[in-house]
């Protein structure tokens, strides 16, 4: 008795190239998941960066206040908010303005302000964060 084995050949047509619908849907789902995680993180990092830049400007102004006050104590050279702003070097093209002892710094959509309190005798001048923080 002879057993016959049938070979079944499946031929692929050469024109069958590309991705299946399921593969395309999975790629779209993966891209959606990545964007749902990445976009909020990017927005949060942008906000944090602007806040940190404003705090750095405040720290630079405070450093100048301390330097001006040391000069005042040694040489009796009075100082005011205009001298503090003029004596502060800010990098990155940052600029601050002063109106009525309120120092303002604008970055992107955010505005940050500090209130300048002048020195009184041996007590140094000070800055207080007012808005935007």
C-alpha atoms as a PDB file:
ATOM      1  CA  UNK A   1       0.000   0.000   0.000  1.00  0.00           C
ATOM      2  CA  UNK A   2       1.326   3.256  -1.003  1.00  0.00           C
ATOM      3  CA  UNK A   3       0.773   6.521   0.886  1.00  0.00           C
ATOM      4  CA  UNK A   4       0.604   9.608  -1.141  1.00  0.00           C
ATOM      5  CA  UNK A   5       1.728  12.863   0.376  1.00  0.00           C
ATOM      6  CA  UNK A   6       0.256  15.934  -1.112  1.00  0.00           C
ATOM      7  CA  UNK A   7       2.278  19.047  -1.024  1.00  0.00           C
ATOM      8  CA  UNK A   8       0.314  22.206  -0.863  1.00  0.00           C
ATOM      9  CA  UNK A   9       2.130  25.247  -2.016  1.00  0.00           C
ATOM     10  CA  UNK A  10       0.949  28.681  -1.060  1.00  0.00           C
ATOM     11  CA  UNK A  11       2.237  31.265  -3.356  1.00  0.00           C
ATOM     12  CA  UNK A  12       2.380  34.908  -2.375  1.00  0.00           C
ATOM     13  CA  UNK A  13       1.586  37.322  -5.033  1.00  0.00           C
ATOM     14  CA  UNK A  14       4.437  39.752  -5.555  1.00  0.00           C
ATOM     15  CA  UNK A  15       2.084  42.693  -5.279  1.00  0.00           C
ATOM     16  CA  UNK A  16       1.284  41.868  -1.619  1.00  0.00           C
ATOM     17  CA  UNK A  17       3.585  44.353   0.119  1.00  0.00           C
ATOM     18  CA  UNK A  18       2.992  46.781   2.967  1.00  0.00           C
ATOM     19  CA  UNK A  19       1.395  46.687   6.373  1.00  0.00           C
ATOM     20  CA  UNK A  20      -1.830  45.160   7.533  1.00  0.00           C
ATOM     21  CA  UNK A  21      -4.590  47.272   9.012  1.00  0.00           C
ATOM     22  CA  UNK A  22      -3.903  45.869  12.485  1.00  0.00           C
ATOM     23  CA  UNK A  23      -0.244  46.880  12.282  1.00  0.00           C
ATOM     24  CA  UNK A  24      -1.182  50.413  11.272  1.00  0.00           C
ATOM     25  CA  UNK A  25      -3.744  50.717  14.076  1.00  0.00           C
ATOM     26  CA  UNK A  26      -1.166  49.518  16.630  1.00  0.00           C
ATOM     27  CA  UNK A  27       1.335  52.145  15.457  1.00  0.00           C
ATOM     28  CA  UNK A  28      -1.322  54.862  15.802  1.00  0.00           C
ATOM     29  CA  UNK A  29      -2.212  53.646  19.305  1.00  0.00           C
ATOM     30  CA  UNK A  30       1.458  53.654  20.373  1.00  0.00           C
ATOM     31  CA  UNK A  31       1.969  57.178  19.000  1.00  0.00           C
ATOM     32  CA  UNK A  32      -1.156  58.298  20.872  1.00  0.00           C
ATOM     33  CA  UNK A  33       0.103  56.875  24.158  1.00  0.00           C
ATOM     34  CA  UNK A  34       3.516  58.504  23.728  1.00  0.00           C
ATOM     35  CA  UNK A  35       1.989  61.897  22.925  1.00  0.00           C
ATOM     36  CA  UNK A  36      -0.426  61.662  25.864  1.00  0.00           C
ATOM     37  CA  UNK A  37       2.564  61.301  28.185  1.00  0.00           C
ATOM     38  CA  UNK A  38       5.082  63.588  26.452  1.00  0.00           C
ATOM     39  CA  UNK A  39       2.994  66.700  25.750  1.00  0.00           C
ATOM     40  CA  UNK A  40       1.957  67.406  29.381  1.00  0.00           C
ATOM     41  CA  UNK A  41       5.549  66.812  30.493  1.00  0.00           C
ATOM     42  CA  UNK A  42       6.862  69.278  27.940  1.00  0.00           C
ATOM     43  CA  UNK A  43       4.340  71.939  29.021  1.00  0.00           C
ATOM     44  CA  UNK A  44       5.284  71.394  32.667  1.00  0.00           C
ATOM     45  CA  UNK A  45       8.998  71.694  31.856  1.00  0.00           C
ATOM     46  CA  UNK A  46       8.397  74.957  29.960  1.00  0.00           C
ATOM     47  CA  UNK A  47       6.510  76.464  32.906  1.00  0.00           C
ATOM     48  CA  UNK A  48       9.175  75.324  35.360  1.00  0.00           C
ATOM     49  CA  UNK A  49      11.932  76.774  33.168  1.00  0.00           C
ATOM     50  CA  UNK A  50      10.256  80.214  33.054  1.00  0.00           C
ATOM     51  CA  UNK A  51       9.763  80.191  36.842  1.00  0.00           C
ATOM     52  CA  UNK A  52      13.387  79.179  37.410  1.00  0.00           C
ATOM     53  CA  UNK A  53      14.574  81.934  35.052  1.00  0.00           C
ATOM     54  CA  UNK A  54      12.556  84.495  37.020  1.00  0.00           C
ATOM     55  CA  UNK A  55      13.966  83.252  40.314  1.00  0.00           C
ATOM     56  CA  UNK A  56      17.474  83.531  38.836  1.00  0.00           C
ATOM     57  CA  UNK A  57      16.776  87.162  37.895  1.00  0.00           C
ATOM     58  CA  UNK A  58      15.608  87.799  41.480  1.00  0.00           C
ATOM     59  CA  UNK A  59      18.758  86.165  42.836  1.00  0.00           C
ATOM     60  CA  UNK A  60      20.949  88.311  40.573  1.00  0.00           C
ATOM     61  CA  UNK A  61      19.164  91.456  41.780  1.00  0.00           C
ATOM     62  CA  UNK A  62      19.557  90.350  45.409  1.00  0.00           C
ATOM     63  CA  UNK A  63      23.264  89.771  44.861  1.00  0.00           C
ATOM     64  CA  UNK A  64      23.622  93.299  43.496  1.00  0.00           C
ATOM     65  CA  UNK A  65      21.700  94.680  46.487  1.00  0.00           C
ATOM     66  CA  UNK A  66      24.171  92.993  48.849  1.00  0.00           C
ATOM     67  CA  UNK A  67      27.157  94.320  46.888  1.00  0.00           C
ATOM     68  CA  UNK A  68      25.687  97.850  46.842  1.00  0.00           C
ATOM     69  CA  UNK A  69      24.958  97.665  50.563  1.00  0.00           C
ATOM     70  CA  UNK A  70      28.511  96.548  51.330  1.00  0.00           C
ATOM     71  CA  UNK A  71      29.750  99.544  49.338  1.00  0.00           C
ATOM     72  CA  UNK A  72      27.338 101.750  51.320  1.00  0.00           C
ATOM     73  CA  UNK A  73      28.659 100.441  54.648  1.00  0.00           C
ATOM     74  CA  UNK A  74      32.309 100.909  53.649  1.00  0.00           C
ATOM     75  CA  UNK A  75      32.133 104.158  51.666  1.00  0.00           C
ATOM     76  CA  UNK A  76      28.815 105.687  52.785  1.00  0.00           C
ATOM     77  CA  UNK A  77      27.730 105.581  49.105  1.00  0.00           C
ATOM     78  CA  UNK A  78      23.921 105.587  49.019  1.00  0.00           C
ATOM     79  CA  UNK A  79      22.131 103.364  46.506  1.00  0.00           C
ATOM     80  CA  UNK A  80      18.635 103.022  45.106  1.00  0.00           C
ATOM     81  CA  UNK A  81      16.667 100.646  42.897  1.00  0.00           C
ATOM     82  CA  UNK A  82      17.963 102.268  39.691  1.00  0.00           C
ATOM     83  CA  UNK A  83      21.577 101.602  40.733  1.00  0.00           C
ATOM     84  CA  UNK A  84      20.700  98.020  41.637  1.00  0.00           C
ATOM     85  CA  UNK A  85      19.143  97.373  38.217  1.00  0.00           C
ATOM     86  CA  UNK A  86      21.999  99.121  36.404  1.00  0.00           C
ATOM     87  CA  UNK A  87      24.571  97.142  38.374  1.00  0.00           C
ATOM     88  CA  UNK A  88      22.972  93.777  37.642  1.00  0.00           C
ATOM     89  CA  UNK A  89      24.205  91.823  34.638  1.00  0.00           C
ATOM     90  CA  UNK A  90      21.505  89.577  33.218  1.00  0.00           C
ATOM     91  CA  UNK A  91      22.311  86.963  30.600  1.00  0.00           C
ATOM     92  CA  UNK A  92      20.209  85.801  27.702  1.00  0.00           C
ATOM     93  CA  UNK A  93      18.901  89.247  26.859  1.00  0.00           C
ATOM     94  CA  UNK A  94      16.724  89.419  29.975  1.00  0.00           C
ATOM     95  CA  UNK A  95      15.560  92.913  30.882  1.00  0.00           C
ATOM     96  CA  UNK A  96      13.818  94.267  33.937  1.00  0.00           C
ATOM     97  CA  UNK A  97      11.877  97.487  34.414  1.00  0.00           C
ATOM     98  CA  UNK A  98      11.170  99.572  37.483  1.00  0.00           C
ATOM     99  CA  UNK A  99       8.066 101.621  38.151  1.00  0.00           C
ATOM    100  CA  UNK A 100       7.590 102.929  41.676  1.00  0.00           C
ATOM    101  CA  UNK A 101       9.957 100.404  43.284  1.00  0.00           C
ATOM    102  CA  UNK A 102       8.164  97.506  41.593  1.00  0.00           C
ATOM    103  CA  UNK A 103      10.606  95.568  39.447  1.00  0.00           C
ATOM    104  CA  UNK A 104       9.050  93.671  36.536  1.00  0.00           C
ATOM    105  CA  UNK A 105      10.459  90.839  34.439  1.00  0.00           C
ATOM    106  CA  UNK A 106       8.520  89.404  31.473  1.00  0.00           C
ATOM    107  CA  UNK A 107       9.325  86.038  29.905  1.00  0.00           C
ATOM    108  CA  UNK A 108       7.018  84.443  27.369  1.00  0.00           C
ATOM    109  CA  UNK A 109       3.426  84.717  28.572  1.00  0.00           C
ATOM    110  CA  UNK A 110       4.457  85.188  32.227  1.00  0.00           C
ATOM    111  CA  UNK A 111       5.113  88.417  34.133  1.00  0.00           C
ATOM    112  CA  UNK A 112       7.000  88.362  37.424  1.00  0.00           C
ATOM    113  CA  UNK A 113       7.272  91.277  39.851  1.00  0.00           C
ATOM    114  CA  UNK A 114       9.253  92.069  42.982  1.00  0.00           C
ATOM    115  CA  UNK A 115       8.741  94.887  45.444  1.00  0.00           C
ATOM    116  CA  UNK A 116      11.929  96.763  46.305  1.00  0.00           C
ATOM    117  CA  UNK A 117      12.251  98.099  49.832  1.00  0.00           C
ATOM    118  CA  UNK A 118      14.996 100.703  50.235  1.00  0.00           C
ATOM    119  CA  UNK A 119      17.691 100.391  52.856  1.00  0.00           C
ATOM    120  CA  UNK A 120      17.271 102.129  56.188  1.00  0.00           C
ATOM    121  CA  UNK A 121      20.594 102.924  57.808  1.00  0.00           C
ATOM    122  CA  UNK A 122      22.561  99.738  58.325  1.00  0.00           C
ATOM    123  CA  UNK A 123      19.601  97.554  57.275  1.00  0.00           C
ATOM    124  CA  UNK A 124      20.022  96.358  53.724  1.00  0.00           C
ATOM    125  CA  UNK A 125      17.462  96.913  51.000  1.00  0.00           C
ATOM    126  CA  UNK A 126      15.333  93.906  50.108  1.00  0.00           C
ATOM    127  CA  UNK A 127      13.282  92.319  47.364  1.00  0.00           C
ATOM    128  CA  UNK A 128       9.998  90.515  47.933  1.00  0.00           C
ATOM    129  CA  UNK A 129       8.368  88.335  45.287  1.00  0.00           C
ATOM    130  CA  UNK A 130       5.039  89.964  44.488  1.00  0.00           C
ATOM    131  CA  UNK A 131       3.331  88.201  41.599  1.00  0.00           C
ATOM    132  CA  UNK A 132       3.865  85.503  39.014  1.00  0.00           C
ATOM    133  CA  UNK A 133       5.434  83.027  41.420  1.00  0.00           C
END
